[in-house]
Each structure stands twice: as structure tokens, then as C-alpha cells.
Amino acid sequence: MTRQQIIKQYEQTNRKFEEKFFPSVRSAIHKKVSVIISRLREGGYDSARNYLLTDLTNPAMAEAIRKLYILVGRKHAQITYSRLLHDRRKRKYVGLMLQTKGFGFNQQWTDFIINFLSRFLLEKVTIEIANTT
């Protein structure tokens, strides 16, 4: 597989997941916007502004992004592993790397990745989105 084909496959995979998760992300944003609009109508500009300054989280967005990260991460891991197996014939050193053990689902590794994403990336994604909306 050429570099351009790998890039194209990567973009197609991401686009597929973007289409799948767009409705849930849009709905999470709309929930936050509707709360802000109701605050604006009930208490005015200052109430809505104070709400935005104090409540930066969006749990619905965080859940949608968490699910997205898990599914996309697994899919890219599968794609990379199958590409490594395919290239094993061409590059002997890759074959040596893959002779250690089989590649399967590892709950401990998955939990580590989910924990990392929830501590760093999810906070950054939800807070950055809240700051810009």
C-alpha cells in the first residue's frame, strides 16, 4: 500500500465515523445552547454569561466523544495491524516484531486509553468547545 492509499484509507475511516457521530455531537451542542438560551430569557445577559463562566462542562459531549474515541481507536488499531501483517512478507523485521504473541482485545490496555482520554483529551475537547460557543 502506498503512502497516498494509507492516507486515503485513514481519511475514509474518519469520515465514516464523523458521519456516524455527527448527530450525537450536534445534539449535545444543541442541549447546551438551549440551556444558555433559557438562562438568557429568564435572567438576562448577565445570568447567561455567569452560567457560561461557571459551567464549562458538557456531559453529553464528553460521552459522545468518549464513544467516538473508543470506536475509532479500535478501528485504526485493526487497520494498522492488518497492514503490518500484510507488509510482513515485504519487511522481515516487522515479522520478527509480530512473532511475540497474538493481537487481541486487552481490557487493561483499553482501560488505560479510556482513562487517558477522559483525563486529558475529553476535558480539552469539552472545555475548548464551551469556550468557543
C-alpha atoms as a PDB file:
ATOM      1  CA  MET A   1       0.000   0.000   0.000  1.00  0.00           C
ATOM      2  CA  THR A   2       1.395   3.385  -0.950  1.00  0.00           C
ATOM      3  CA  ARG A   3       1.515   6.349   1.383  1.00  0.00           C
ATOM      4  CA  GLN A   4      -1.327   8.051  -0.511  1.00  0.00           C
ATOM      5  CA  GLN A   5      -3.511   4.951  -0.243  1.00  0.00           C
ATOM      6  CA  ILE A   6      -2.893   4.773   3.507  1.00  0.00           C
ATOM      7  CA  ILE A   7      -3.828   8.438   3.881  1.00  0.00           C
ATOM      8  CA  LYS A   8      -6.972   7.912   1.800  1.00  0.00           C
ATOM      9  CA  GLN A   9      -7.975   4.885   3.900  1.00  0.00           C
ATOM     10  CA  TYR A  10      -7.357   6.857   7.101  1.00  0.00           C
ATOM     11  CA  GLU A  11      -9.498   9.763   5.885  1.00  0.00           C
ATOM     12  CA  GLN A  12     -12.298   7.453   4.704  1.00  0.00           C
ATOM     13  CA  THR A  13     -12.396   5.719   8.075  1.00  0.00           C
ATOM     14  CA  ASN A  14     -12.515   9.024   9.932  1.00  0.00           C
ATOM     15  CA  ARG A  15     -15.192  10.412   7.612  1.00  0.00           C
ATOM     16  CA  LYS A  16     -17.341   7.320   8.218  1.00  0.00           C
ATOM     17  CA  PHE A  17     -17.162   7.869  11.961  1.00  0.00           C
ATOM     18  CA  GLU A  18     -17.752  11.608  11.576  1.00  0.00           C
ATOM     19  CA  GLU A  19     -20.997  10.861   9.757  1.00  0.00           C
ATOM     20  CA  LYS A  20     -21.996   8.326  12.385  1.00  0.00           C
ATOM     21  CA  PHE A  21     -21.319  10.572  15.390  1.00  0.00           C
ATOM     22  CA  PHE A  22     -22.339  13.936  13.937  1.00  0.00           C
ATOM     23  CA  PRO A  23     -25.959  13.689  15.154  1.00  0.00           C
ATOM     24  CA  SER A  24     -24.989  12.925  18.755  1.00  0.00           C
ATOM     25  CA  VAL A  25     -22.372  15.700  18.857  1.00  0.00           C
ATOM     26  CA  ARG A  26     -24.806  18.161  17.299  1.00  0.00           C
ATOM     27  CA  SER A  27     -27.482  17.178  19.814  1.00  0.00           C
ATOM     28  CA  ALA A  28     -25.017  17.667  22.703  1.00  0.00           C
ATOM     29  CA  ILE A  29     -24.182  21.144  21.436  1.00  0.00           C
ATOM     30  CA  HIS A  30     -27.865  21.987  20.980  1.00  0.00           C
ATOM     31  CA  LYS A  31     -28.643  20.878  24.553  1.00  0.00           C
ATOM     32  CA  LYS A  32     -26.032  23.276  25.888  1.00  0.00           C
ATOM     33  CA  VAL A  33     -27.226  26.069  23.605  1.00  0.00           C
ATOM     34  CA  SER A  34     -30.855  25.575  24.671  1.00  0.00           C
ATOM     35  CA  VAL A  35     -29.859  25.835  28.352  1.00  0.00           C
ATOM     36  CA  ILE A  36     -27.999  29.061  27.621  1.00  0.00           C
ATOM     37  CA  ILE A  37     -30.949  30.468  25.673  1.00  0.00           C
ATOM     38  CA  SER A  38     -33.330  29.640  28.515  1.00  0.00           C
ATOM     39  CA  ARG A  39     -30.950  31.323  31.002  1.00  0.00           C
ATOM     40  CA  LEU A  40     -30.808  34.327  28.707  1.00  0.00           C
ATOM     41  CA  ARG A  41     -34.609  34.562  28.541  1.00  0.00           C
ATOM     42  CA  GLU A  42     -35.124  34.023  32.271  1.00  0.00           C
ATOM     43  CA  GLY A  43     -32.325  36.059  33.802  1.00  0.00           C
ATOM     44  CA  GLY A  44     -30.957  38.184  31.017  1.00  0.00           C
ATOM     45  CA  TYR A  45     -27.492  38.600  29.609  1.00  0.00           C
ATOM     46  CA  ASP A  46     -25.652  38.572  32.942  1.00  0.00           C
ATOM     47  CA  SER A  47     -27.273  35.310  34.026  1.00  0.00           C
ATOM     48  CA  ALA A  48     -26.357  33.577  30.771  1.00  0.00           C
ATOM     49  CA  ARG A  49     -22.809  34.960  30.899  1.00  0.00           C
ATOM     50  CA  ASN A  50     -22.308  33.836  34.502  1.00  0.00           C
ATOM     51  CA  TYR A  51     -23.634  30.390  33.627  1.00  0.00           C
ATOM     52  CA  LEU A  52     -21.132  30.115  30.779  1.00  0.00           C
ATOM     53  CA  LEU A  53     -18.284  31.237  33.007  1.00  0.00           C
ATOM     54  CA  THR A  54     -19.093  28.761  35.776  1.00  0.00           C
ATOM     55  CA  ASP A  55     -20.367  25.691  33.919  1.00  0.00           C
ATOM     56  CA  LEU A  56     -17.830  24.755  31.259  1.00  0.00           C
ATOM     57  CA  THR A  57     -18.678  21.073  31.116  1.00  0.00           C
ATOM     58  CA  ASN A  58     -20.908  19.320  28.649  1.00  0.00           C
ATOM     59  CA  PRO A  59     -21.506  15.723  29.813  1.00  0.00           C
ATOM     60  CA  ALA A  60     -23.411  14.779  26.665  1.00  0.00           C
ATOM     61  CA  MET A  61     -20.494  15.974  24.522  1.00  0.00           C
ATOM     62  CA  ALA A  62     -17.998  14.128  26.698  1.00  0.00           C
ATOM     63  CA  GLU A  63     -19.955  10.882  26.366  1.00  0.00           C
ATOM     64  CA  ALA A  64     -20.251  11.237  22.579  1.00  0.00           C
ATOM     65  CA  ILE A  65     -16.531  11.966  22.233  1.00  0.00           C
ATOM     66  CA  ARG A  66     -15.631   9.064  24.551  1.00  0.00           C
ATOM     67  CA  LYS A  67     -17.621   6.621  22.418  1.00  0.00           C
ATOM     68  CA  LEU A  68     -16.104   8.093  19.272  1.00  0.00           C
ATOM     69  CA  TYR A  69     -12.543   7.714  20.589  1.00  0.00           C
ATOM     70  CA  ILE A  70     -13.113   4.094  21.589  1.00  0.00           C
ATOM     71  CA  LEU A  71     -14.594   3.021  18.260  1.00  0.00           C
ATOM     72  CA  VAL A  72     -12.170   4.983  16.085  1.00  0.00           C
ATOM     73  CA  GLY A  73      -9.182   3.796  18.124  1.00  0.00           C
ATOM     74  CA  ARG A  74     -10.193   0.157  17.774  1.00  0.00           C
ATOM     75  CA  LYS A  75     -10.832   0.529  14.049  1.00  0.00           C
ATOM     76  CA  HIS A  76      -7.462   2.176  13.403  1.00  0.00           C
ATOM     77  CA  ALA A  77      -5.734  -0.468  15.527  1.00  0.00           C
ATOM     78  CA  GLN A  78      -7.346  -3.186  13.400  1.00  0.00           C
ATOM     79  CA  ILE A  79      -6.373  -1.438  10.174  1.00  0.00           C
ATOM     80  CA  THR A  80      -2.783  -0.922  11.318  1.00  0.00           C
ATOM     81  CA  TYR A  81      -2.441  -4.498  12.486  1.00  0.00           C
ATOM     82  CA  SER A  82      -3.787  -5.927   9.235  1.00  0.00           C
ATOM     83  CA  ARG A  83      -1.434  -3.636   7.285  1.00  0.00           C
ATOM     84  CA  LEU A  84       1.507  -4.860   9.382  1.00  0.00           C
ATOM     85  CA  LEU A  85       0.551  -8.460   8.707  1.00  0.00           C
ATOM     86  CA  HIS A  86       0.271  -7.727   5.002  1.00  0.00           C
ATOM     87  CA  ASP A  87       3.649  -5.974   4.934  1.00  0.00           C
ATOM     88  CA  ARG A  88       5.311  -8.772   6.897  1.00  0.00           C
ATOM     89  CA  ARG A  89       6.198 -10.534   3.662  1.00  0.00           C
ATOM     90  CA  LYS A  90       7.976  -7.445   2.377  1.00  0.00           C
ATOM     91  CA  ARG A  91       9.813  -6.469   5.551  1.00  0.00           C
ATOM     92  CA  LYS A  92      11.280  -9.220   7.651  1.00  0.00           C
ATOM     93  CA  TYR A  93      11.818  -7.040  10.730  1.00  0.00           C
ATOM     94  CA  VAL A  94       8.057  -6.473  11.027  1.00  0.00           C
ATOM     95  CA  GLY A  95       7.620 -10.232  11.033  1.00  0.00           C
ATOM     96  CA  LEU A  96      10.059 -10.515  13.904  1.00  0.00           C
ATOM     97  CA  MET A  97       8.110  -7.929  15.878  1.00  0.00           C
ATOM     98  CA  LEU A  98       4.832  -9.773  15.343  1.00  0.00           C
ATOM     99  CA  GLN A  99       6.124 -13.205  16.378  1.00  0.00           C
ATOM    100  CA  THR A 100       5.874 -12.458  20.089  1.00  0.00           C
ATOM    101  CA  LYS A 101       2.142 -13.049  20.723  1.00  0.00           C
ATOM    102  CA  GLY A 102      -1.184 -12.758  19.040  1.00  0.00           C
ATOM    103  CA  PHE A 103      -3.004  -9.464  18.825  1.00  0.00           C
ATOM    104  CA  GLY A 104      -6.343  -9.448  20.551  1.00  0.00           C
ATOM    105  CA  PHE A 105      -8.510  -7.435  22.854  1.00  0.00           C
ATOM    106  CA  ASN A 106      -6.734  -6.327  26.010  1.00  0.00           C
ATOM    107  CA  GLN A 107      -9.086  -4.842  28.600  1.00  0.00           C
ATOM    108  CA  GLN A 108      -6.261  -3.388  30.667  1.00  0.00           C
ATOM    109  CA  TRP A 109      -4.836  -1.507  27.665  1.00  0.00           C
ATOM    110  CA  THR A 110      -8.300  -0.315  26.635  1.00  0.00           C
ATOM    111  CA  ASP A 111      -8.994   0.934  30.182  1.00  0.00           C
ATOM    112  CA  PHE A 112      -5.674   2.796  30.181  1.00  0.00           C
ATOM    113  CA  ILE A 113      -6.512   4.544  26.899  1.00  0.00           C
ATOM    114  CA  ILE A 114     -10.030   5.436  28.061  1.00  0.00           C
ATOM    115  CA  ASN A 115      -8.646   6.790  31.336  1.00  0.00           C
ATOM    116  CA  PHE A 116      -6.044   8.870  29.490  1.00  0.00           C
ATOM    117  CA  LEU A 117      -8.613  10.273  27.085  1.00  0.00           C
ATOM    118  CA  SER A 118     -11.070  11.121  29.825  1.00  0.00           C
ATOM    119  CA  ARG A 119      -8.414  12.884  31.929  1.00  0.00           C
ATOM    120  CA  PHE A 120      -6.772  14.930  29.196  1.00  0.00           C
ATOM    121  CA  LEU A 121      -8.404  14.952  25.797  1.00  0.00           C
ATOM    122  CA  LEU A 122     -12.054  14.905  26.809  1.00  0.00           C
ATOM    123  CA  GLU A 123     -11.520  17.796  29.193  1.00  0.00           C
ATOM    124  CA  LYS A 124      -9.714  19.734  26.492  1.00  0.00           C
ATOM    125  CA  VAL A 125     -12.365  18.983  23.881  1.00  0.00           C
ATOM    126  CA  THR A 126     -15.360  19.832  26.058  1.00  0.00           C
ATOM    127  CA  ILE A 127     -13.784  22.909  27.673  1.00  0.00           C
ATOM    128  CA  GLU A 128     -12.453  24.256  24.372  1.00  0.00           C
ATOM    129  CA  ILE A 129     -15.864  23.771  22.760  1.00  0.00           C
ATOM    130  CA  ALA A 130     -17.551  25.501  25.692  1.00  0.00           C
ATOM    131  CA  ASN A 131     -15.141  28.425  25.455  1.00  0.00           C
ATOM    132  CA  THR A 132     -15.824  28.938  21.766  1.00  0.00           C
ATOM    133  CA  THR A 133     -19.628  28.563  21.828  1.00  0.00           C
END
